[in-house]
Amino acid sequence: MRGAFYNLVNFINTTSINDVYANAARKILQNIYVIPGSTITDVAELCFVSTATISRLCRKLNYESFADFKKDVTMNLHYFKMDITMNLNYFNRDTLRLQFDHQLPQRQYLHKGKEVFKAHFDNILDNLKETYESVSYEDLEFIVDKIHDANKVCFAGNFFTQSVSMQLQIELSYLGKECSGMYPLEQQILTVEGLDENDVIIVSSIAGGFMTDHPDVMRVISKSPAYKIVISQLDEFVYSDSIDMILKVGTDHHSLIGKFSITYIFEVLEALYHLKYGVKEKREL
């Protein structure tokens, strides 16, 4: 989960370099770890702006208030630390016992790093191969047909899978399909509640983190009349009995491995949709 980080970085990347709000966003990003313990006055002083400017910045970042922004940052930092711990456990489960910082070995262990990275590379290839062999072409074609026949297509997930699905969303939008990425998380429930039986919602979560972290969103999704598709390494999760179709990708329930398989699936869906419907629909535009 990287919602607050994504919102800040995306805002900085798409705003004028001298913009007062972009400068404040940069300052916040540079000092992100102090935000959970700061008041809006503290942050305003840190950024050399007024509290009103910070409030407006939060709204520009799609938060209702500074309190909502602070809550999201706090949650993001919590899960960021959890991800680092999981990555450490992944890389340290062999006899090398390397000490990793943000998935990279410290300098004194670099002479053994290549061996670990080779094992990681092999794990990625094995998981991709398992994905290729286990996912049927018919299932992929079925999803593409469902997307084509739907009035609206909505994508739900945490930061990484949402960013991966964005390219498919862009392609579908280019071909005239109404899509939404349902980000930030606060907007997802409202989006889902607006769907009907003629719509499709695609939830993507590598190792099931989205389902675990956001049961409130999953609860609303489970009750939606829209056709519900989940793309994940898991075949069982909260409210899985209410999902119409589960596309299981790979076997390793770890984000460092599974992200490549889920990226592959979205790229295949994009290519298949374009091949099956793209040329025809472009002619009709």
Protein backbone atom coordinates (compact mmCIF):
# COMPACT_ATOMS: atom_id res chain seq x y z
CA MET A 1 0.00 0.00 0.00
CA ARG A 2 1.53 3.27 -1.14
CA GLY A 3 -1.48 5.57 -1.60
CA ALA A 4 -0.09 8.66 0.11
CA PHE A 5 3.33 8.22 -1.51
CA TYR A 6 1.72 7.78 -4.92
CA ASN A 7 -0.50 10.83 -4.50
CA LEU A 8 2.43 13.02 -3.47
CA VAL A 9 4.79 11.79 -6.19
CA ASN A 10 2.13 11.97 -8.89
CA PHE A 11 1.21 15.51 -7.84
CA ILE A 12 4.85 16.61 -7.86
CA ASN A 13 5.44 15.02 -11.26
CA THR A 14 2.44 16.71 -12.86
CA THR A 15 2.69 20.18 -11.32
CA SER A 16 4.88 23.13 -12.25
CA ILE A 17 8.28 22.95 -10.59
CA ASN A 18 7.83 26.37 -8.95
CA ASP A 19 4.27 25.77 -7.80
CA VAL A 20 3.82 26.55 -4.09
CA TYR A 21 1.80 23.37 -3.56
CA ALA A 22 4.36 21.22 -5.37
CA ASN A 23 7.13 22.68 -3.20
CA ALA A 24 5.11 21.90 -0.09
CA ALA A 25 4.48 18.36 -1.35
CA ARG A 26 8.23 17.87 -1.88
CA LYS A 27 8.96 19.07 1.64
CA ILE A 28 6.35 16.72 3.06
CA LEU A 29 7.73 13.79 1.07
CA GLN A 30 11.25 14.54 2.31
CA ASN A 31 9.98 14.52 5.89
CA ILE A 32 7.26 11.89 5.54
CA TYR A 33 8.22 10.05 8.73
CA VAL A 34 7.38 13.04 10.95
CA ILE A 35 3.88 13.52 9.51
CA PRO A 36 2.10 10.99 11.80
CA GLY A 37 3.22 12.95 14.86
CA SER A 38 2.66 16.42 13.42
CA THR A 39 -0.21 18.87 13.51
CA ILE A 40 -1.27 20.90 10.49
CA THR A 41 0.52 23.87 12.06
CA ASP A 42 3.72 21.82 12.36
CA VAL A 43 3.53 20.83 8.69
CA ALA A 44 2.78 24.40 7.59
CA GLU A 45 5.85 25.65 9.46
CA LEU A 46 7.93 22.83 7.97
CA CYS A 47 6.87 23.87 4.47
CA PHE A 48 7.03 27.64 5.15
CA VAL A 49 3.39 28.10 4.13
CA SER A 50 0.10 28.77 5.84
CA THR A 51 -2.19 26.13 7.31
CA ALA A 52 -4.74 27.11 4.64
CA THR A 53 -2.21 26.15 1.96
CA ILE A 54 -1.69 22.74 3.57
CA SER A 55 -5.46 22.22 3.72
CA ARG A 56 -5.79 23.10 0.03
CA LEU A 57 -2.86 20.81 -0.81
CA CYS A 58 -4.57 17.91 0.95
CA ARG A 59 -7.70 18.51 -1.12
CA LYS A 60 -5.59 18.62 -4.28
CA LEU A 61 -4.23 15.22 -3.23
CA ASN A 62 -7.83 13.94 -3.04
CA TYR A 63 -8.14 13.99 0.75
CA GLU A 64 -11.04 15.66 2.52
CA SER A 65 -8.79 17.18 5.16
CA PHE A 66 -5.31 17.17 6.66
CA ALA A 67 -6.56 14.64 9.22
CA ASP A 68 -7.46 12.23 6.39
CA PHE A 69 -4.07 12.77 4.75
CA LYS A 70 -2.26 12.20 8.05
CA LYS A 71 -4.24 9.00 8.64
CA ASP A 72 -3.31 7.68 5.19
CA VAL A 73 0.37 8.53 5.65
CA THR A 74 0.41 6.78 9.02
CA MET A 75 -1.18 3.66 7.53
CA ASN A 76 1.16 3.74 4.51
CA LEU A 77 4.24 3.93 6.72
CA HIS A 78 2.96 1.03 8.81
CA TYR A 79 2.54 -1.21 5.78
CA PHE A 80 5.80 0.02 4.28
CA LYS A 81 7.63 -1.26 7.35
CA MET A 82 5.73 -4.54 7.11
CA ASP A 83 6.77 -4.91 3.46
CA ILE A 84 10.42 -4.40 4.36
CA THR A 85 10.15 -7.06 7.07
CA MET A 86 8.53 -9.49 4.63
CA ASN A 87 11.23 -8.81 2.06
CA LEU A 88 13.92 -9.37 4.66
CA ASN A 89 12.35 -12.69 5.60
CA TYR A 90 12.14 -13.68 1.94
CA PHE A 91 15.78 -12.97 1.16
CA ASN A 92 17.03 -14.29 4.51
CA ARG A 93 15.28 -17.64 4.40
CA ASP A 94 18.37 -19.30 2.92
CA THR A 95 21.73 -19.93 4.58
CA LEU A 96 23.31 -16.69 3.36
CA ARG A 97 21.40 -14.66 5.95
CA LEU A 98 22.02 -11.41 4.09
CA GLN A 99 20.99 -8.20 5.77
CA PHE A 100 18.80 -6.24 3.37
CA ASP A 101 17.79 -2.61 3.37
CA HIS A 102 14.89 -1.92 0.99
CA GLN A 103 15.59 -5.26 -0.76
CA LEU A 104 19.29 -4.53 -1.41
CA PRO A 105 22.24 -6.11 0.44
CA GLN A 106 24.48 -3.99 2.60
CA ARG A 107 27.96 -3.30 1.26
CA GLN A 108 29.76 -5.96 3.32
CA TYR A 109 27.53 -8.66 1.80
CA LEU A 110 27.73 -7.59 -1.84
CA HIS A 111 30.15 -10.40 -2.69
CA LYS A 112 27.32 -12.87 -1.98
CA GLY A 113 24.52 -10.77 -3.37
CA LYS A 114 24.61 -12.13 -6.92
CA GLU A 115 23.91 -15.64 -5.68
CA VAL A 116 20.80 -14.44 -3.88
CA PHE A 117 19.64 -12.37 -6.84
CA LYS A 118 20.10 -15.40 -9.10
CA ALA A 119 17.81 -17.42 -6.81
CA HIS A 120 15.30 -14.55 -6.87
CA PHE A 121 15.48 -14.47 -10.68
CA ASP A 122 14.82 -18.23 -10.84
CA ASN A 123 11.84 -17.85 -8.50
CA ILE A 124 10.37 -15.18 -10.77
CA LEU A 125 10.78 -17.38 -13.84
CA ASP A 126 9.22 -20.37 -12.07
CA ASN A 127 6.25 -18.31 -10.97
CA LEU A 128 5.75 -16.85 -14.46
CA LYS A 129 5.93 -20.34 -15.95
CA GLU A 130 3.36 -21.60 -13.45
CA THR A 131 1.11 -18.67 -14.33
CA TYR A 132 1.42 -19.34 -18.05
CA GLU A 133 0.66 -23.05 -17.61
CA SER A 134 -2.23 -22.69 -15.16
CA VAL A 135 -4.17 -19.78 -16.67
CA SER A 136 -6.23 -20.86 -19.65
CA TYR A 137 -6.63 -18.82 -22.81
CA GLU A 138 -10.38 -19.35 -22.52
CA ASP A 139 -10.45 -17.64 -19.12
CA LEU A 140 -8.53 -14.66 -20.46
CA GLU A 141 -10.82 -14.42 -23.46
CA PHE A 142 -13.84 -14.65 -21.16
CA ILE A 143 -12.57 -11.69 -19.11
CA VAL A 144 -11.92 -9.68 -22.27
CA ASP A 145 -15.47 -10.41 -23.49
CA LYS A 146 -16.92 -9.42 -20.12
CA ILE A 147 -15.01 -6.14 -20.26
CA HIS A 148 -16.21 -5.49 -23.81
CA ASP A 149 -19.87 -6.15 -22.98
CA ALA A 150 -19.84 -4.09 -19.77
CA ASN A 151 -21.13 -0.55 -19.56
CA LYS A 152 -18.52 0.38 -16.96
CA VAL A 153 -15.29 -1.27 -15.86
CA CYS A 154 -13.85 -0.50 -12.45
CA PHE A 155 -10.44 -1.50 -11.12
CA ALA A 156 -9.73 -1.93 -7.42
CA GLY A 157 -6.49 -2.70 -5.62
CA ASN A 158 -3.58 -1.26 -3.72
CA PHE A 159 -0.91 0.96 -5.19
CA PHE A 160 1.16 -1.45 -7.30
CA THR A 161 -1.67 -3.43 -8.89
CA GLN A 162 -3.60 -0.22 -9.54
CA SER A 163 -0.60 1.23 -11.36
CA VAL A 164 -0.26 -1.99 -13.38
CA SER A 165 -3.95 -2.01 -14.31
CA MET A 166 -3.75 1.65 -15.35
CA GLN A 167 -2.29 0.81 -18.76
CA LEU A 168 -5.27 -1.47 -19.46
CA GLN A 169 -7.57 1.30 -18.23
CA ILE A 170 -5.92 3.76 -20.63
CA GLU A 171 -6.27 1.35 -23.56
CA LEU A 172 -9.94 0.71 -22.76
CA SER A 173 -10.63 4.43 -22.39
CA TYR A 174 -8.98 5.08 -25.74
CA LEU A 175 -11.37 2.54 -27.28
CA GLY A 176 -14.37 4.27 -25.74
CA LYS A 177 -14.94 2.09 -22.67
CA GLU A 178 -15.93 3.92 -19.49
CA CYS A 179 -13.38 3.00 -16.81
CA SER A 180 -12.39 4.12 -13.35
CA GLY A 181 -9.33 3.30 -11.31
CA MET A 182 -11.04 3.84 -7.97
CA TYR A 183 -8.23 5.71 -6.31
CA PRO A 184 -7.77 6.92 -3.62
CA LEU A 185 -9.22 4.22 -1.39
CA GLU A 186 -11.82 6.56 0.10
CA GLN A 187 -13.48 6.77 -3.32
CA GLN A 188 -13.66 3.03 -3.91
CA ILE A 189 -16.76 2.37 -1.85
CA LEU A 190 -18.64 5.23 -3.54
CA THR A 191 -17.60 3.93 -6.95
CA VAL A 192 -18.66 0.36 -6.22
CA GLU A 193 -22.02 1.46 -4.87
CA GLY A 194 -22.74 3.08 -8.24
CA LEU A 195 -22.31 -0.14 -10.24
CA ASP A 196 -25.10 -2.35 -11.56
CA GLU A 197 -25.47 -5.77 -13.18
CA ASN A 198 -24.22 -4.42 -16.51
CA ASP A 199 -20.84 -3.45 -15.07
CA VAL A 200 -17.61 -5.28 -14.25
CA ILE A 201 -15.27 -4.78 -11.33
CA ILE A 202 -11.74 -6.21 -11.39
CA VAL A 203 -9.94 -6.53 -8.07
CA SER A 204 -6.21 -7.23 -8.28
CA SER A 205 -4.10 -8.14 -5.27
CA ILE A 206 -0.84 -10.03 -5.50
CA ALA A 207 -0.86 -11.80 -2.15
CA GLY A 208 -4.30 -10.81 -0.88
CA GLY A 209 -3.21 -7.67 0.95
CA PHE A 210 -6.03 -5.57 -0.48
CA MET A 211 -8.68 -8.02 0.73
CA THR A 212 -7.11 -8.24 4.18
CA ASP A 213 -6.43 -4.53 4.61
CA HIS A 214 -9.78 -3.28 3.29
CA PRO A 215 -12.57 -5.63 4.38
CA ASP A 216 -15.00 -2.69 4.30
CA VAL A 217 -14.36 -2.20 0.58
CA MET A 218 -14.52 -5.96 -0.06
CA ARG A 219 -17.82 -6.13 1.81
CA VAL A 220 -19.35 -3.55 -0.52
CA ILE A 221 -17.83 -5.28 -3.56
CA SER A 222 -19.25 -8.63 -2.44
CA LYS A 223 -22.76 -7.13 -2.38
CA SER A 224 -22.44 -5.37 -5.73
CA PRO A 225 -24.62 -6.65 -8.60
CA ALA A 226 -21.68 -6.07 -10.98
CA TYR A 227 -19.74 -9.04 -12.30
CA LYS A 228 -16.82 -9.46 -9.90
CA ILE A 229 -13.38 -10.70 -11.00
CA VAL A 230 -10.40 -11.11 -8.69
CA ILE A 231 -6.85 -11.57 -10.01
CA SER A 232 -4.57 -12.84 -7.27
CA GLN A 233 -2.16 -15.55 -6.15
CA LEU A 234 -4.85 -16.65 -3.68
CA ASP A 235 -7.95 -18.67 -4.40
CA GLU A 236 -9.49 -18.11 -0.96
CA PHE A 237 -9.82 -14.82 0.91
CA VAL A 238 -12.38 -12.70 2.73
CA TYR A 239 -15.68 -12.71 0.77
CA SER A 240 -14.19 -15.00 -1.89
CA ASP A 241 -17.48 -16.96 -1.95
CA SER A 242 -19.17 -13.84 -3.34
CA ILE A 243 -16.75 -13.39 -6.24
CA ASP A 244 -17.94 -14.51 -9.66
CA MET A 245 -14.50 -15.38 -11.04
CA ILE A 246 -11.09 -15.83 -9.43
CA LEU A 247 -8.09 -15.87 -11.76
CA LYS A 248 -5.25 -17.43 -9.79
CA VAL A 249 -1.78 -16.42 -10.96
CA GLY A 250 1.39 -18.16 -9.79
CA THR A 251 2.01 -20.09 -6.60
CA ASP A 252 4.39 -17.97 -4.49
CA HIS A 253 2.32 -15.82 -2.12
CA HIS A 254 4.87 -13.04 -1.98
CA SER A 255 4.67 -9.63 -3.60
CA LEU A 256 8.32 -9.66 -4.71
CA ILE A 257 7.57 -12.69 -6.88
CA GLY A 258 3.90 -12.29 -7.73
CA LYS A 259 4.12 -8.74 -9.08
CA PHE A 260 5.73 -10.03 -12.27
CA SER A 261 3.00 -12.59 -12.88
CA ILE A 262 0.17 -10.15 -12.26
CA THR A 263 1.85 -7.62 -14.57
CA TYR A 264 2.07 -10.33 -17.24
CA ILE A 265 -1.66 -11.07 -16.91
CA PHE A 266 -2.68 -7.43 -17.35
CA GLU A 267 -0.40 -7.07 -20.36
CA VAL A 268 -1.95 -10.16 -21.94
CA LEU A 269 -5.47 -8.86 -21.25
CA GLU A 270 -4.57 -5.53 -22.84
CA ALA A 271 -3.09 -7.19 -25.93
CA LEU A 272 -5.96 -9.66 -26.28
CA TYR A 273 -8.60 -6.94 -25.97
CA HIS A 274 -6.81 -4.84 -28.55
CA LEU A 275 -6.50 -7.78 -30.96
CA LYS A 276 -10.10 -8.89 -30.55
CA TYR A 277 -11.91 -5.56 -30.38
CA GLY A 278 -9.44 -2.74 -30.91
CA VAL A 279 -9.36 -2.47 -34.69
CA LYS A 280 -13.12 -2.77 -35.05
CA GLU A 281 -13.88 -0.19 -32.36
CA LYS A 282 -11.32 2.29 -33.67
CA ARG A 283 -13.08 2.19 -37.04
CA GLU A 284 -16.38 2.97 -35.34
CA LEU A 285 -14.99 6.03 -33.49
